[in-house]
N, C-alpha and C. Protein backbone atom coordinates (compact mmCIF):
# COMPACT_ATOMS: atom_id res chain seq x y z
N MET A 1 -10.74 -19.81 -8.51
CA MET A 1 -9.72 -20.47 -9.33
C MET A 1 -10.25 -21.84 -9.74
N ARG A 2 -10.30 -22.09 -11.05
CA ARG A 2 -10.80 -23.37 -11.53
C ARG A 2 -9.77 -24.47 -11.25
N GLY A 3 -10.28 -25.63 -10.90
CA GLY A 3 -9.41 -26.76 -10.63
C GLY A 3 -10.03 -27.67 -9.59
N ARG A 4 -9.48 -28.83 -9.46
CA ARG A 4 -9.97 -29.83 -8.51
C ARG A 4 -9.09 -29.81 -7.27
N ARG A 5 -9.73 -29.66 -6.12
CA ARG A 5 -8.97 -29.71 -4.87
C ARG A 5 -8.30 -31.07 -4.73
N LEU A 6 -7.09 -31.06 -4.21
CA LEU A 6 -6.38 -32.31 -3.97
C LEU A 6 -7.05 -33.06 -2.82
N ARG A 7 -7.19 -34.37 -2.98
CA ARG A 7 -7.83 -35.19 -1.95
C ARG A 7 -6.88 -35.48 -0.80
N ARG A 8 -7.46 -35.90 0.30
CA ARG A 8 -6.66 -36.25 1.47
C ARG A 8 -5.65 -37.34 1.13
N SER A 9 -6.04 -38.27 0.28
CA SER A 9 -5.15 -39.39 -0.07
C SER A 9 -3.90 -38.90 -0.81
N PHE A 10 -4.00 -37.78 -1.50
CA PHE A 10 -2.81 -37.23 -2.17
C PHE A 10 -1.74 -36.87 -1.14
N TYR A 11 -2.16 -36.25 -0.06
CA TYR A 11 -1.21 -35.80 0.97
C TYR A 11 -0.78 -36.93 1.90
N ALA A 12 -1.59 -37.97 2.02
CA ALA A 12 -1.35 -39.02 3.02
C ALA A 12 -0.27 -40.01 2.56
N ARG A 13 0.84 -39.46 2.14
CA ARG A 13 2.00 -40.24 1.68
C ARG A 13 3.27 -39.57 2.20
N ASP A 14 4.39 -40.23 2.04
CA ASP A 14 5.66 -39.65 2.44
C ASP A 14 5.88 -38.32 1.71
N SER A 15 6.36 -37.33 2.43
CA SER A 15 6.55 -36.00 1.85
C SER A 15 7.48 -36.02 0.64
N ARG A 16 8.41 -36.98 0.61
CA ARG A 16 9.35 -37.04 -0.51
C ARG A 16 8.70 -37.56 -1.78
N ALA A 17 7.55 -38.21 -1.65
CA ALA A 17 6.76 -38.61 -2.81
C ALA A 17 5.80 -37.50 -3.22
N VAL A 18 5.25 -36.81 -2.23
CA VAL A 18 4.28 -35.75 -2.50
C VAL A 18 4.94 -34.53 -3.12
N ALA A 19 6.12 -34.16 -2.61
CA ALA A 19 6.74 -32.88 -2.98
C ALA A 19 6.85 -32.65 -4.49
N PRO A 20 7.49 -33.55 -5.27
CA PRO A 20 7.61 -33.27 -6.71
C PRO A 20 6.26 -33.25 -7.43
N GLU A 21 5.27 -33.94 -6.86
CA GLU A 21 3.94 -33.94 -7.49
C GLU A 21 3.15 -32.68 -7.18
N LEU A 22 3.60 -31.89 -6.20
CA LEU A 22 2.97 -30.60 -5.93
C LEU A 22 3.39 -29.53 -6.93
N LEU A 23 4.47 -29.76 -7.65
CA LEU A 23 4.91 -28.78 -8.64
C LEU A 23 3.83 -28.59 -9.70
N ASN A 24 3.55 -27.36 -9.99
CA ASN A 24 2.53 -26.92 -10.97
C ASN A 24 1.10 -27.04 -10.46
N LYS A 25 0.92 -27.50 -9.21
CA LYS A 25 -0.39 -27.34 -8.59
C LYS A 25 -0.56 -25.87 -8.20
N VAL A 26 -1.77 -25.46 -7.83
CA VAL A 26 -2.05 -24.05 -7.59
C VAL A 26 -2.48 -23.83 -6.14
N LEU A 27 -1.74 -22.97 -5.44
CA LEU A 27 -2.08 -22.55 -4.08
C LEU A 27 -3.06 -21.38 -4.18
N VAL A 28 -4.20 -21.50 -3.53
CA VAL A 28 -5.26 -20.50 -3.62
C VAL A 28 -5.63 -20.00 -2.23
N HIS A 29 -5.74 -18.70 -2.11
CA HIS A 29 -6.31 -18.11 -0.90
C HIS A 29 -7.22 -16.96 -1.32
N GLY A 30 -8.51 -17.16 -1.14
CA GLY A 30 -9.46 -16.14 -1.55
C GLY A 30 -9.35 -15.85 -3.04
N GLY A 31 -9.15 -14.58 -3.37
CA GLY A 31 -9.01 -14.18 -4.77
C GLY A 31 -7.59 -14.20 -5.29
N ARG A 32 -6.66 -14.75 -4.52
CA ARG A 32 -5.25 -14.81 -4.94
C ARG A 32 -4.85 -16.26 -5.23
N ALA A 33 -4.00 -16.44 -6.23
CA ALA A 33 -3.56 -17.79 -6.58
C ALA A 33 -2.16 -17.74 -7.17
N ALA A 34 -1.36 -18.76 -6.88
CA ALA A 34 0.00 -18.87 -7.42
C ALA A 34 0.29 -20.33 -7.73
N ARG A 35 0.91 -20.56 -8.88
CA ARG A 35 1.32 -21.91 -9.25
C ARG A 35 2.58 -22.28 -8.48
N ILE A 36 2.56 -23.43 -7.83
CA ILE A 36 3.70 -23.87 -7.01
C ILE A 36 4.84 -24.31 -7.93
N VAL A 37 5.99 -23.66 -7.81
CA VAL A 37 7.11 -23.96 -8.71
C VAL A 37 8.37 -24.44 -7.98
N GLU A 38 8.32 -24.48 -6.66
CA GLU A 38 9.49 -24.94 -5.89
C GLU A 38 9.02 -25.45 -4.54
N VAL A 39 9.54 -26.59 -4.13
CA VAL A 39 9.13 -27.23 -2.87
C VAL A 39 10.34 -27.90 -2.21
N GLU A 40 10.20 -28.18 -0.92
CA GLU A 40 11.18 -28.97 -0.19
C GLU A 40 10.45 -29.96 0.71
N ALA A 41 10.95 -31.18 0.79
CA ALA A 41 10.36 -32.20 1.65
C ALA A 41 11.09 -32.27 2.98
N TYR A 42 10.32 -32.50 4.04
CA TYR A 42 10.87 -32.69 5.38
C TYR A 42 10.26 -33.96 5.98
N ALA A 43 11.12 -34.75 6.64
CA ALA A 43 10.75 -36.13 6.98
C ALA A 43 10.73 -36.41 8.48
N GLY A 44 10.28 -35.47 9.26
CA GLY A 44 10.02 -35.70 10.68
C GLY A 44 11.19 -36.23 11.47
N ALA A 45 10.95 -37.31 12.21
CA ALA A 45 11.96 -37.86 13.12
C ALA A 45 13.18 -38.42 12.39
N ASP A 46 13.07 -38.66 11.09
CA ASP A 46 14.19 -39.17 10.31
C ASP A 46 15.02 -38.04 9.69
N ASP A 47 14.68 -36.80 10.00
CA ASP A 47 15.26 -35.67 9.28
C ASP A 47 15.72 -34.58 10.26
N PRO A 48 17.03 -34.44 10.50
CA PRO A 48 17.50 -33.41 11.43
C PRO A 48 17.23 -31.99 10.94
N GLY A 49 16.83 -31.82 9.68
CA GLY A 49 16.47 -30.50 9.18
C GLY A 49 15.03 -30.12 9.47
N SER A 50 14.26 -31.04 10.06
CA SER A 50 12.84 -30.81 10.29
C SER A 50 12.56 -30.24 11.68
N HIS A 51 11.53 -29.40 11.78
CA HIS A 51 11.09 -28.91 13.08
C HIS A 51 10.65 -30.04 13.99
N ALA A 52 10.25 -31.16 13.41
CA ALA A 52 9.72 -32.27 14.19
C ALA A 52 10.78 -33.28 14.62
N TYR A 53 12.02 -33.02 14.33
CA TYR A 53 13.09 -34.00 14.58
C TYR A 53 13.17 -34.38 16.06
N ARG A 54 12.93 -33.43 16.94
CA ARG A 54 13.04 -33.69 18.38
C ARG A 54 11.69 -33.99 19.03
N GLY A 55 10.65 -34.15 18.21
CA GLY A 55 9.34 -34.50 18.76
C GLY A 55 8.34 -33.37 18.69
N GLN A 56 7.17 -33.64 19.21
CA GLN A 56 6.06 -32.70 19.11
C GLN A 56 6.18 -31.59 20.15
N THR A 57 5.84 -30.38 19.72
CA THR A 57 5.80 -29.20 20.58
C THR A 57 4.52 -28.42 20.24
N PRO A 58 4.14 -27.44 21.05
CA PRO A 58 2.98 -26.63 20.68
C PRO A 58 3.15 -25.96 19.32
N ARG A 59 4.37 -25.59 18.97
CA ARG A 59 4.61 -24.91 17.70
C ARG A 59 4.37 -25.83 16.51
N ASN A 60 4.88 -27.08 16.58
CA ASN A 60 4.84 -27.96 15.40
C ASN A 60 3.70 -28.98 15.45
N ARG A 61 2.77 -28.82 16.36
CA ARG A 61 1.71 -29.80 16.58
C ARG A 61 0.99 -30.20 15.29
N VAL A 62 0.72 -29.23 14.42
CA VAL A 62 -0.03 -29.50 13.19
C VAL A 62 0.72 -30.47 12.28
N MET A 63 2.05 -30.46 12.34
CA MET A 63 2.83 -31.36 11.50
C MET A 63 2.55 -32.82 11.76
N PHE A 64 2.08 -33.15 12.96
CA PHE A 64 1.89 -34.54 13.35
C PHE A 64 0.56 -35.12 12.86
N GLY A 65 -0.16 -34.37 12.07
CA GLY A 65 -1.33 -34.90 11.39
C GLY A 65 -2.63 -34.36 11.92
N PRO A 66 -3.68 -34.67 11.16
CA PRO A 66 -3.73 -35.50 9.95
C PRO A 66 -3.19 -34.77 8.72
N ALA A 67 -2.99 -35.55 7.65
CA ALA A 67 -2.47 -35.00 6.40
C ALA A 67 -3.49 -34.05 5.77
N GLY A 68 -2.96 -33.17 4.90
CA GLY A 68 -3.82 -32.26 4.16
C GLY A 68 -4.10 -30.96 4.86
N HIS A 69 -3.41 -30.71 5.95
CA HIS A 69 -3.55 -29.43 6.65
C HIS A 69 -2.33 -28.55 6.38
N LEU A 70 -2.48 -27.27 6.68
CA LEU A 70 -1.39 -26.32 6.46
C LEU A 70 -0.66 -26.08 7.78
N TYR A 71 0.65 -26.24 7.76
CA TYR A 71 1.49 -25.92 8.92
C TYR A 71 2.18 -24.60 8.61
N VAL A 72 1.87 -23.57 9.38
CA VAL A 72 2.45 -22.24 9.17
C VAL A 72 3.30 -21.89 10.38
N TYR A 73 4.53 -21.47 10.14
CA TYR A 73 5.41 -21.12 11.25
C TYR A 73 6.12 -19.79 11.00
N PHE A 74 6.59 -19.19 12.07
CA PHE A 74 7.29 -17.90 12.05
C PHE A 74 8.78 -18.17 12.10
N THR A 75 9.55 -17.47 11.29
CA THR A 75 10.99 -17.73 11.25
C THR A 75 11.78 -16.43 11.21
N TYR A 76 12.96 -16.46 11.77
CA TYR A 76 13.86 -15.29 11.81
C TYR A 76 13.20 -14.06 12.42
N GLY A 77 12.16 -14.26 13.22
CA GLY A 77 11.51 -13.16 13.90
C GLY A 77 10.76 -12.20 13.01
N MET A 78 10.52 -12.59 11.74
CA MET A 78 9.87 -11.63 10.83
C MET A 78 9.06 -12.26 9.71
N HIS A 79 9.21 -13.55 9.42
CA HIS A 79 8.59 -14.14 8.24
C HIS A 79 7.71 -15.34 8.59
N TRP A 80 6.65 -15.53 7.78
CA TRP A 80 5.82 -16.73 7.86
C TRP A 80 6.16 -17.65 6.70
N CYS A 81 6.12 -18.95 6.94
CA CYS A 81 6.34 -19.96 5.90
C CYS A 81 5.24 -21.01 6.03
N ALA A 82 4.85 -21.59 4.89
CA ALA A 82 3.73 -22.54 4.88
C ALA A 82 4.15 -23.89 4.34
N ASN A 83 3.64 -24.94 4.97
CA ASN A 83 3.92 -26.32 4.59
C ASN A 83 2.62 -27.11 4.46
N ALA A 84 2.58 -28.03 3.52
CA ALA A 84 1.48 -28.98 3.41
C ALA A 84 1.85 -30.21 4.22
N VAL A 85 1.02 -30.57 5.20
CA VAL A 85 1.28 -31.73 6.05
C VAL A 85 0.97 -33.01 5.27
N CYS A 86 1.88 -33.98 5.37
CA CYS A 86 1.77 -35.23 4.61
C CYS A 86 1.84 -36.44 5.54
N GLY A 87 1.72 -37.63 4.94
CA GLY A 87 1.93 -38.87 5.67
C GLY A 87 0.79 -39.25 6.60
N SER A 88 1.07 -40.23 7.44
CA SER A 88 0.11 -40.72 8.42
C SER A 88 0.22 -39.91 9.70
N PRO A 89 -0.84 -39.84 10.50
CA PRO A 89 -0.75 -39.13 11.78
C PRO A 89 0.43 -39.64 12.60
N GLY A 90 1.18 -38.70 13.14
CA GLY A 90 2.35 -39.03 13.94
C GLY A 90 3.66 -39.01 13.18
N MET A 91 3.62 -39.02 11.84
CA MET A 91 4.85 -39.03 11.05
C MET A 91 5.53 -37.67 11.00
N ALA A 92 4.77 -36.59 11.09
CA ALA A 92 5.29 -35.22 10.99
C ALA A 92 6.04 -35.01 9.68
N SER A 93 5.49 -35.52 8.61
CA SER A 93 6.04 -35.37 7.26
C SER A 93 5.37 -34.15 6.64
N ALA A 94 6.16 -33.28 5.98
CA ALA A 94 5.58 -32.05 5.43
C ALA A 94 6.38 -31.56 4.24
N VAL A 95 5.72 -30.74 3.42
CA VAL A 95 6.37 -30.14 2.25
C VAL A 95 6.31 -28.63 2.38
N LEU A 96 7.48 -28.00 2.40
CA LEU A 96 7.56 -26.55 2.42
C LEU A 96 7.25 -26.00 1.03
N LEU A 97 6.32 -25.06 0.95
CA LEU A 97 5.98 -24.40 -0.31
C LEU A 97 6.94 -23.23 -0.48
N ARG A 98 7.96 -23.43 -1.31
CA ARG A 98 9.07 -22.47 -1.36
C ARG A 98 8.83 -21.31 -2.32
N ALA A 99 8.12 -21.52 -3.41
CA ALA A 99 7.94 -20.42 -4.36
C ALA A 99 6.76 -20.69 -5.27
N GLY A 100 6.20 -19.61 -5.81
CA GLY A 100 5.06 -19.74 -6.71
C GLY A 100 5.12 -18.71 -7.83
N ALA A 101 4.41 -18.99 -8.90
CA ALA A 101 4.26 -18.07 -10.02
C ALA A 101 2.88 -17.43 -9.90
N PRO A 102 2.78 -16.12 -9.74
CA PRO A 102 1.48 -15.46 -9.57
C PRO A 102 0.54 -15.72 -10.74
N LEU A 103 -0.71 -16.06 -10.42
CA LEU A 103 -1.73 -16.31 -11.44
C LEU A 103 -2.92 -15.37 -11.33
N LYS A 104 -3.34 -15.07 -10.11
CA LYS A 104 -4.56 -14.32 -9.89
C LYS A 104 -4.40 -13.44 -8.65
N GLY A 105 -5.01 -12.26 -8.69
CA GLY A 105 -4.90 -11.35 -7.56
C GLY A 105 -3.56 -10.66 -7.50
N VAL A 106 -2.95 -10.42 -8.65
CA VAL A 106 -1.60 -9.84 -8.69
C VAL A 106 -1.57 -8.45 -8.06
N GLU A 107 -2.59 -7.64 -8.29
CA GLU A 107 -2.62 -6.29 -7.70
C GLU A 107 -2.62 -6.37 -6.18
N GLU A 108 -3.39 -7.30 -5.63
CA GLU A 108 -3.40 -7.49 -4.18
C GLU A 108 -2.04 -7.97 -3.68
N MET A 109 -1.37 -8.81 -4.47
CA MET A 109 -0.05 -9.28 -4.09
C MET A 109 0.95 -8.12 -4.04
N PHE A 110 0.91 -7.24 -5.02
CA PHE A 110 1.81 -6.07 -5.01
C PHE A 110 1.51 -5.18 -3.81
N ALA A 111 0.24 -5.04 -3.45
CA ALA A 111 -0.12 -4.23 -2.29
C ALA A 111 0.44 -4.85 -1.00
N ALA A 112 0.46 -6.19 -0.94
CA ALA A 112 0.97 -6.88 0.24
C ALA A 112 2.49 -6.92 0.28
N ARG A 113 3.12 -6.83 -0.91
CA ARG A 113 4.58 -6.93 -1.02
C ARG A 113 5.13 -5.61 -1.56
N ALA A 114 5.15 -4.60 -0.70
CA ALA A 114 5.54 -3.26 -1.13
C ALA A 114 6.95 -3.21 -1.71
N ALA A 115 7.81 -4.13 -1.28
CA ALA A 115 9.20 -4.13 -1.77
C ALA A 115 9.33 -4.71 -3.17
N ALA A 116 8.32 -5.40 -3.66
CA ALA A 116 8.39 -6.05 -4.97
C ALA A 116 8.32 -5.02 -6.09
N ARG A 117 9.18 -5.15 -7.07
CA ARG A 117 9.19 -4.26 -8.23
C ARG A 117 8.75 -4.96 -9.50
N ARG A 118 8.88 -6.28 -9.53
CA ARG A 118 8.51 -7.08 -10.70
C ARG A 118 7.61 -8.21 -10.25
N THR A 119 6.82 -8.74 -11.18
CA THR A 119 5.95 -9.87 -10.85
C THR A 119 6.75 -11.03 -10.29
N ARG A 120 7.94 -11.25 -10.83
CA ARG A 120 8.76 -12.38 -10.37
C ARG A 120 9.28 -12.18 -8.94
N ASP A 121 9.13 -10.98 -8.39
CA ASP A 121 9.55 -10.73 -7.00
C ASP A 121 8.45 -11.04 -5.99
N LEU A 122 7.26 -11.33 -6.46
CA LEU A 122 6.12 -11.46 -5.55
C LEU A 122 6.15 -12.73 -4.70
N CYS A 123 6.43 -13.88 -5.33
CA CYS A 123 6.29 -15.18 -4.65
C CYS A 123 7.54 -16.03 -4.75
N SER A 124 8.69 -15.43 -5.03
CA SER A 124 9.91 -16.20 -5.31
C SER A 124 10.70 -16.51 -4.04
N GLY A 125 10.03 -17.11 -3.08
CA GLY A 125 10.64 -17.52 -1.82
C GLY A 125 9.52 -17.86 -0.85
N PRO A 126 9.78 -18.69 0.16
CA PRO A 126 8.70 -19.14 1.04
C PRO A 126 8.03 -18.02 1.83
N ALA A 127 8.82 -17.05 2.31
CA ALA A 127 8.24 -15.93 3.04
C ALA A 127 7.49 -14.99 2.10
N LYS A 128 8.04 -14.76 0.92
CA LYS A 128 7.36 -13.92 -0.07
C LYS A 128 6.03 -14.53 -0.47
N LEU A 129 6.01 -15.84 -0.66
CA LEU A 129 4.79 -16.52 -1.05
C LEU A 129 3.69 -16.33 0.00
N CYS A 130 4.04 -16.50 1.26
CA CYS A 130 3.06 -16.31 2.33
C CYS A 130 2.59 -14.87 2.40
N GLN A 131 3.52 -13.93 2.26
CA GLN A 131 3.13 -12.52 2.32
C GLN A 131 2.22 -12.16 1.16
N ALA A 132 2.56 -12.61 -0.04
CA ALA A 132 1.77 -12.28 -1.23
C ALA A 132 0.36 -12.86 -1.15
N LEU A 133 0.23 -14.06 -0.54
CA LEU A 133 -1.09 -14.70 -0.44
C LEU A 133 -1.76 -14.46 0.91
N ALA A 134 -1.17 -13.56 1.72
CA ALA A 134 -1.76 -13.18 3.01
C ALA A 134 -1.96 -14.39 3.92
N LEU A 135 -0.92 -15.22 4.05
CA LEU A 135 -0.97 -16.38 4.94
C LEU A 135 -0.09 -16.13 6.15
N ASP A 136 -0.64 -16.29 7.33
CA ASP A 136 0.10 -16.10 8.56
C ASP A 136 -0.36 -17.12 9.60
N ARG A 137 -0.05 -16.87 10.86
CA ARG A 137 -0.34 -17.83 11.91
C ARG A 137 -1.83 -18.19 11.98
N ALA A 138 -2.70 -17.28 11.54
CA ALA A 138 -4.13 -17.55 11.58
C ALA A 138 -4.52 -18.74 10.71
N PHE A 139 -3.63 -19.14 9.78
CA PHE A 139 -3.92 -20.25 8.88
C PHE A 139 -3.22 -21.53 9.28
N ASP A 140 -2.51 -21.51 10.40
CA ASP A 140 -1.89 -22.73 10.90
C ASP A 140 -2.98 -23.73 11.26
N GLY A 141 -2.94 -24.90 10.64
CA GLY A 141 -3.95 -25.93 10.88
C GLY A 141 -5.11 -25.90 9.90
N ALA A 142 -5.14 -24.93 8.98
CA ALA A 142 -6.24 -24.88 8.01
C ALA A 142 -6.25 -26.15 7.17
N ASP A 143 -7.46 -26.65 6.89
CA ASP A 143 -7.61 -27.88 6.12
C ASP A 143 -7.63 -27.55 4.63
N LEU A 144 -6.58 -27.94 3.91
CA LEU A 144 -6.47 -27.66 2.49
C LEU A 144 -7.51 -28.43 1.67
N VAL A 145 -7.91 -29.58 2.17
CA VAL A 145 -8.84 -30.44 1.43
C VAL A 145 -10.24 -29.83 1.38
N THR A 146 -10.65 -29.19 2.46
CA THR A 146 -11.99 -28.61 2.53
C THR A 146 -12.00 -27.11 2.25
N ALA A 147 -10.83 -26.54 1.95
CA ALA A 147 -10.69 -25.09 1.73
C ALA A 147 -11.07 -24.32 2.99
N ASP A 148 -10.75 -24.88 4.13
CA ASP A 148 -10.96 -24.23 5.42
C ASP A 148 -10.25 -22.87 5.42
N ARG A 149 -10.93 -21.86 5.89
CA ARG A 149 -10.39 -20.50 5.98
C ARG A 149 -10.02 -19.93 4.60
N GLY A 150 -10.59 -20.53 3.56
CA GLY A 150 -10.41 -19.99 2.21
C GLY A 150 -9.11 -20.36 1.53
N VAL A 151 -8.33 -21.28 2.11
CA VAL A 151 -7.04 -21.65 1.51
C VAL A 151 -7.08 -23.11 1.08
N THR A 152 -6.56 -23.40 -0.10
CA THR A 152 -6.55 -24.76 -0.63
C THR A 152 -5.46 -24.88 -1.70
N ILE A 153 -5.24 -26.10 -2.17
CA ILE A 153 -4.36 -26.36 -3.31
C ILE A 153 -5.17 -27.14 -4.33
N VAL A 154 -5.14 -26.68 -5.58
CA VAL A 154 -5.95 -27.32 -6.62
C VAL A 154 -5.07 -27.78 -7.78
N ASP A 155 -5.60 -28.75 -8.51
CA ASP A 155 -5.00 -29.24 -9.75
C ASP A 155 -5.80 -28.66 -10.90
N ASP A 156 -5.18 -27.77 -11.69
CA ASP A 156 -5.90 -27.16 -12.81
C ASP A 156 -5.59 -27.86 -14.13
N GLY A 157 -5.00 -29.05 -14.05
CA GLY A 157 -4.72 -29.83 -15.25
C GLY A 157 -3.30 -29.69 -15.76
N THR A 158 -2.50 -28.81 -15.16
CA THR A 158 -1.11 -28.66 -15.56
C THR A 158 -0.27 -29.72 -14.85
N PRO A 159 0.37 -30.63 -15.56
CA PRO A 159 1.11 -31.71 -14.90
C PRO A 159 2.44 -31.22 -14.31
N PRO A 160 2.96 -31.94 -13.34
CA PRO A 160 4.31 -31.63 -12.87
C PRO A 160 5.31 -31.82 -14.00
N PRO A 161 6.46 -31.17 -13.93
CA PRO A 161 7.46 -31.38 -14.99
C PRO A 161 7.92 -32.84 -15.03
N ALA A 162 8.12 -33.36 -16.23
CA ALA A 162 8.57 -34.75 -16.38
C ALA A 162 9.95 -34.95 -15.75
N GLU A 163 10.77 -33.92 -15.81
CA GLU A 163 12.11 -33.97 -15.22
C GLU A 163 12.33 -32.71 -14.39
N PRO A 164 11.82 -32.71 -13.16
CA PRO A 164 11.99 -31.52 -12.32
C PRO A 164 13.44 -31.30 -11.94
N GLY A 165 13.78 -30.05 -11.65
CA GLY A 165 15.09 -29.78 -11.08
C GLY A 165 15.16 -30.34 -9.67
N VAL A 166 16.33 -30.81 -9.28
CA VAL A 166 16.52 -31.41 -7.95
C VAL A 166 17.80 -30.86 -7.34
N SER A 167 17.76 -30.57 -6.06
CA SER A 167 18.97 -30.13 -5.36
C SER A 167 18.82 -30.43 -3.87
N THR A 168 19.86 -30.14 -3.12
CA THR A 168 19.74 -30.17 -1.67
C THR A 168 18.92 -28.96 -1.23
N ARG A 169 18.44 -29.00 0.00
CA ARG A 169 17.57 -27.94 0.50
C ARG A 169 18.37 -26.69 0.85
N ILE A 170 17.68 -25.56 0.90
CA ILE A 170 18.32 -24.26 1.06
C ILE A 170 18.29 -23.79 2.51
N GLY A 171 19.41 -23.25 2.97
CA GLY A 171 19.46 -22.56 4.25
C GLY A 171 19.50 -23.43 5.48
N LEU A 172 19.86 -24.71 5.35
CA LEU A 172 19.90 -25.60 6.50
C LEU A 172 21.31 -25.76 7.03
N SER A 173 21.40 -25.99 8.34
CA SER A 173 22.69 -26.36 8.93
C SER A 173 22.63 -27.78 9.48
N ALA A 174 21.51 -28.46 9.29
CA ALA A 174 21.36 -29.86 9.70
C ALA A 174 20.53 -30.54 8.63
N GLY A 175 20.93 -31.74 8.23
CA GLY A 175 20.22 -32.45 7.18
C GLY A 175 20.39 -31.81 5.81
N ALA A 176 21.45 -31.04 5.66
CA ALA A 176 21.65 -30.28 4.42
C ALA A 176 22.08 -31.16 3.24
N GLU A 177 22.44 -32.40 3.51
CA GLU A 177 22.96 -33.26 2.44
C GLU A 177 21.86 -33.92 1.61
N HIS A 178 20.63 -33.90 2.07
CA HIS A 178 19.55 -34.62 1.37
C HIS A 178 19.06 -33.85 0.14
N PRO A 179 18.95 -34.50 -1.01
CA PRO A 179 18.47 -33.83 -2.23
C PRO A 179 16.95 -33.81 -2.29
N TRP A 180 16.34 -33.06 -1.37
CA TRP A 180 14.89 -33.09 -1.21
C TRP A 180 14.26 -31.76 -1.59
N ARG A 181 14.88 -31.05 -2.50
CA ARG A 181 14.29 -29.82 -3.07
C ARG A 181 14.02 -30.07 -4.54
N TRP A 182 12.79 -29.74 -4.96
CA TRP A 182 12.41 -29.91 -6.37
C TRP A 182 11.88 -28.58 -6.90
N PHE A 183 12.11 -28.30 -8.17
CA PHE A 183 11.63 -27.06 -8.76
C PHE A 183 11.36 -27.24 -10.24
N VAL A 184 10.61 -26.29 -10.80
CA VAL A 184 10.29 -26.31 -12.22
C VAL A 184 11.47 -25.69 -12.98
N PRO A 185 12.17 -26.45 -13.82
CA PRO A 185 13.35 -25.93 -14.52
C PRO A 185 12.99 -24.73 -15.40
N GLY A 186 13.85 -23.73 -15.36
CA GLY A 186 13.67 -22.56 -16.19
C GLY A 186 12.60 -21.59 -15.73
N GLU A 187 11.96 -21.87 -14.61
CA GLU A 187 10.89 -21.02 -14.10
C GLU A 187 11.48 -19.78 -13.41
N PRO A 188 11.15 -18.57 -13.88
CA PRO A 188 11.76 -17.36 -13.31
C PRO A 188 11.34 -17.05 -11.89
N ASN A 189 10.26 -17.68 -11.40
CA ASN A 189 9.79 -17.41 -10.04
C ASN A 189 10.39 -18.31 -8.98
N VAL A 190 11.28 -19.22 -9.37
CA VAL A 190 11.99 -20.04 -8.38
C VAL A 190 12.86 -19.11 -7.53
N SER A 191 13.04 -19.45 -6.26
CA SER A 191 13.77 -18.58 -5.35
C SER A 191 15.23 -18.43 -5.76
N ALA A 192 15.91 -17.48 -5.15
CA ALA A 192 17.29 -17.17 -5.49
C ALA A 192 18.17 -18.40 -5.36
N HIS A 193 19.31 -18.37 -6.05
CA HIS A 193 20.22 -19.51 -6.06
C HIS A 193 20.64 -19.88 -4.65
N ARG A 194 21.09 -21.10 -4.52
CA ARG A 194 21.44 -21.64 -3.21
C ARG A 194 22.47 -20.77 -2.50
N ARG A 195 22.17 -20.48 -1.22
CA ARG A 195 23.08 -19.71 -0.39
C ARG A 195 23.57 -20.58 0.75
N PRO A 196 24.77 -20.33 1.29
CA PRO A 196 25.22 -21.13 2.43
C PRO A 196 24.35 -20.90 3.64
N ALA A 197 24.23 -21.94 4.47
CA ALA A 197 23.44 -21.82 5.69
C ALA A 197 24.05 -20.77 6.60
N PRO A 198 23.23 -19.98 7.29
CA PRO A 198 23.76 -18.97 8.20
C PRO A 198 24.51 -19.62 9.35
N ALA A 199 25.52 -18.91 9.85
CA ALA A 199 26.32 -19.44 10.95
C ALA A 199 25.46 -19.55 12.20
N ARG A 200 25.70 -20.59 12.99
CA ARG A 200 24.97 -20.78 14.23
C ARG A 200 25.55 -19.90 15.32
N ARG A 201 24.67 -19.33 16.14
CA ARG A 201 25.10 -18.59 17.31
C ARG A 201 25.26 -19.57 18.46
N PRO A 202 26.22 -19.38 19.32
CA PRO A 202 26.40 -20.30 20.43
C PRO A 202 25.11 -20.46 21.23
N GLY A 203 24.77 -21.73 21.49
CA GLY A 203 23.61 -22.03 22.30
C GLY A 203 22.30 -22.08 21.56
N THR A 204 22.33 -21.93 20.23
CA THR A 204 21.09 -21.97 19.46
C THR A 204 20.92 -23.32 18.81
N ASP A 205 19.70 -23.63 18.42
CA ASP A 205 19.43 -24.86 17.70
C ASP A 205 19.88 -24.73 16.26
N PRO A 206 20.13 -25.86 15.57
CA PRO A 206 20.43 -25.81 14.14
C PRO A 206 19.28 -25.17 13.39
N VAL A 207 19.60 -24.52 12.28
CA VAL A 207 18.56 -23.95 11.43
C VAL A 207 17.75 -25.10 10.83
N THR A 208 16.44 -25.07 11.02
CA THR A 208 15.58 -26.09 10.45
C THR A 208 14.38 -25.43 9.81
N HIS A 209 13.67 -26.20 9.00
CA HIS A 209 12.47 -25.68 8.35
C HIS A 209 11.33 -26.64 8.62
N GLY A 210 10.41 -26.80 7.63
CA GLY A 210 9.19 -27.56 7.87
C GLY A 210 9.40 -28.97 8.31
């Protein structure tokens, strides 16, 4: 995939600054590529919606830095989701890659996403995006700047939208009030419309993401 890999300095900022600038960048893994069209920012200890809100654990260790690495986690017992780690070491700032528009390797994406019937079904959600690009726990900690393990994010010259869509984040039961979701307006590959957060089961933690 032609384009310039994003430098470490791009990621080494607050996730809320990085997130809208990731729109229209290209997520690449091997021969597959998708243009990033929807993102959410998570702000570590300042954000009850973040996995890092209660501190570092073996699961979220990658979130604590350095910037420019991929944080991949398992959710709902069945899906992988990927985040670009941002900020300074220890901040646990990250951007969830929520959706992409397929660009390259579409046949491989359909093979990986047997349930997809249309191109717009391939990457239109964080779990779909990971499945389509074959990203799982093996890529947790991969360095996006050096294309470690064949995964990176590149700038192919397409700028972010001048006026991106903005909303609160999807599927949270904590920190749901923050307008930290950005998307490309009118893009058919953006994930489904906002749904209410799932009800909490007694004794479980609040639903959180990256």
